[in-house]
Amino acid sequence: MTSALTQVRAAAEEGGHEVVNELLFEPIWFGVIAIVAFLALLATLWAFRNTLALDPHGVAEGHVDPDSGRGTSAH
């Protein structure tokens, strides 16, 4: 049984170059897609900034949240 490294060395010594796995597109585009995905996630995060300030129950100011007691019978 030969290892993959041995096969690569044998192919290099023969002078042949065999493409094992060809990429779908140029390598630079993987970075471009990653940056675009990061910026899309950042835009989503940025869209929801300061939403706690719009809280109708006043939780941000320290008032009691009326929804915190739901499902309990104790008052």
C-alpha atoms as a PDB file:
ATOM      1  CA  MET A   1       0.000   0.000   0.000  1.00  0.00           C
ATOM      2  CA  THR A   2       1.457   3.359  -1.019  1.00  0.00           C
ATOM      3  CA  SER A   3       0.783   6.644   0.676  1.00  0.00           C
ATOM      4  CA  ALA A   4      -0.597   9.698  -1.068  1.00  0.00           C
ATOM      5  CA  LEU A   5       2.721  11.485  -0.562  1.00  0.00           C
ATOM      6  CA  THR A   6       4.550   8.679  -2.334  1.00  0.00           C
ATOM      7  CA  GLN A   7       2.140   8.919  -5.245  1.00  0.00           C
ATOM      8  CA  VAL A   8       2.623  12.686  -5.467  1.00  0.00           C
ATOM      9  CA  ARG A   9       6.405  12.283  -5.432  1.00  0.00           C
ATOM     10  CA  ALA A  10       6.234   9.632  -8.152  1.00  0.00           C
ATOM     11  CA  ALA A  11       4.040  11.858 -10.315  1.00  0.00           C
ATOM     12  CA  ALA A  12       6.412  14.800  -9.809  1.00  0.00           C
ATOM     13  CA  GLU A  13       9.439  12.707 -10.732  1.00  0.00           C
ATOM     14  CA  GLU A  14       7.751  11.541 -13.924  1.00  0.00           C
ATOM     15  CA  GLY A  15       7.224  15.142 -14.938  1.00  0.00           C
ATOM     16  CA  GLY A  16       3.474  14.742 -15.221  1.00  0.00           C
ATOM     17  CA  HIS A  17       1.028  16.921 -13.366  1.00  0.00           C
ATOM     18  CA  GLU A  18      -2.286  15.372 -12.514  1.00  0.00           C
ATOM     19  CA  VAL A  19      -5.145  17.557 -11.303  1.00  0.00           C
ATOM     20  CA  VAL A  20      -6.833  15.687  -8.505  1.00  0.00           C
ATOM     21  CA  ASN A  21      -9.498  18.160  -7.422  1.00  0.00           C
ATOM     22  CA  GLU A  22     -10.145  21.202  -9.538  1.00  0.00           C
ATOM     23  CA  LEU A  23     -11.675  24.208  -7.794  1.00  0.00           C
ATOM     24  CA  LEU A  24     -15.011  25.576  -8.948  1.00  0.00           C
ATOM     25  CA  PHE A  25     -13.516  29.016  -9.578  1.00  0.00           C
ATOM     26  CA  GLU A  26     -10.346  31.016  -8.960  1.00  0.00           C
ATOM     27  CA  PRO A  27      -9.072  30.961  -5.345  1.00  0.00           C
ATOM     28  CA  ILE A  28      -9.440  34.741  -4.921  1.00  0.00           C
ATOM     29  CA  TRP A  29     -13.211  34.398  -5.210  1.00  0.00           C
ATOM     30  CA  PHE A  30     -13.363  32.264  -2.069  1.00  0.00           C
ATOM     31  CA  GLY A  31     -12.010  35.243  -0.137  1.00  0.00           C
ATOM     32  CA  VAL A  32     -14.356  37.645  -1.897  1.00  0.00           C
ATOM     33  CA  ILE A  33     -17.367  35.467  -1.048  1.00  0.00           C
ATOM     34  CA  ALA A  34     -16.234  35.200   2.588  1.00  0.00           C
ATOM     35  CA  ILE A  35     -15.878  38.984   2.891  1.00  0.00           C
ATOM     36  CA  VAL A  36     -19.286  39.571   1.284  1.00  0.00           C
ATOM     37  CA  ALA A  37     -20.887  37.042   3.675  1.00  0.00           C
ATOM     38  CA  PHE A  38     -19.197  38.741   6.649  1.00  0.00           C
ATOM     39  CA  LEU A  39     -20.420  42.164   5.509  1.00  0.00           C
ATOM     40  CA  ALA A  40     -23.961  40.820   5.070  1.00  0.00           C
ATOM     41  CA  LEU A  41     -23.920  39.466   8.626  1.00  0.00           C
ATOM     42  CA  LEU A  42     -22.500  42.756   9.884  1.00  0.00           C
ATOM     43  CA  ALA A  43     -25.264  44.668   8.071  1.00  0.00           C
ATOM     44  CA  THR A  44     -27.863  42.432   9.719  1.00  0.00           C
ATOM     45  CA  LEU A  45     -26.339  43.084  13.124  1.00  0.00           C
ATOM     46  CA  TRP A  46     -26.154  46.816  12.414  1.00  0.00           C
ATOM     47  CA  ALA A  47     -29.835  46.880  11.365  1.00  0.00           C
ATOM     48  CA  PHE A  48     -30.896  45.779  14.849  1.00  0.00           C
ATOM     49  CA  ARG A  49     -28.783  48.243  16.823  1.00  0.00           C
ATOM     50  CA  ASN A  50     -30.568  50.236  19.568  1.00  0.00           C
ATOM     51  CA  THR A  51     -33.669  48.064  19.418  1.00  0.00           C
ATOM     52  CA  LEU A  52     -33.722  47.753  23.220  1.00  0.00           C
ATOM     53  CA  ALA A  53     -34.276  51.512  23.349  1.00  0.00           C
ATOM     54  CA  LEU A  54     -37.568  50.901  21.526  1.00  0.00           C
ATOM     55  CA  ASP A  55     -38.740  48.458  24.213  1.00  0.00           C
ATOM     56  CA  PRO A  56     -42.399  49.314  25.000  1.00  0.00           C
ATOM     57  CA  HIS A  57     -42.285  47.740  28.482  1.00  0.00           C
ATOM     58  CA  GLY A  58     -39.423  49.852  29.797  1.00  0.00           C
ATOM     59  CA  VAL A  59     -37.153  46.912  30.646  1.00  0.00           C
ATOM     60  CA  ALA A  60     -34.116  48.979  29.656  1.00  0.00           C
ATOM     61  CA  GLU A  61     -34.968  51.564  32.331  1.00  0.00           C
ATOM     62  CA  GLY A  62     -35.254  48.923  35.056  1.00  0.00           C
ATOM     63  CA  HIS A  63     -39.032  48.612  35.181  1.00  0.00           C
ATOM     64  CA  VAL A  64     -40.626  45.233  35.809  1.00  0.00           C
ATOM     65  CA  ASP A  65     -41.210  43.180  32.692  1.00  0.00           C
ATOM     66  CA  PRO A  66     -44.919  42.242  32.572  1.00  0.00           C
ATOM     67  CA  ASP A  67     -44.106  39.151  30.515  1.00  0.00           C
ATOM     68  CA  SER A  68     -41.664  37.709  33.067  1.00  0.00           C
ATOM     69  CA  GLY A  69     -44.430  36.158  35.194  1.00  0.00           C
ATOM     70  CA  ARG A  70     -46.254  34.343  32.425  1.00  0.00           C
ATOM     71  CA  GLY A  71     -46.961  30.720  33.117  1.00  0.00           C
ATOM     72  CA  THR A  72     -46.736  31.033  36.900  1.00  0.00           C
ATOM     73  CA  SER A  73     -49.687  31.117  39.284  1.00  0.00           C
ATOM     74  CA  ALA A  74     -47.915  33.141  41.998  1.00  0.00           C
ATOM     75  CA  HIS A  75     -48.596  36.902  42.032  1.00  0.00           C
END
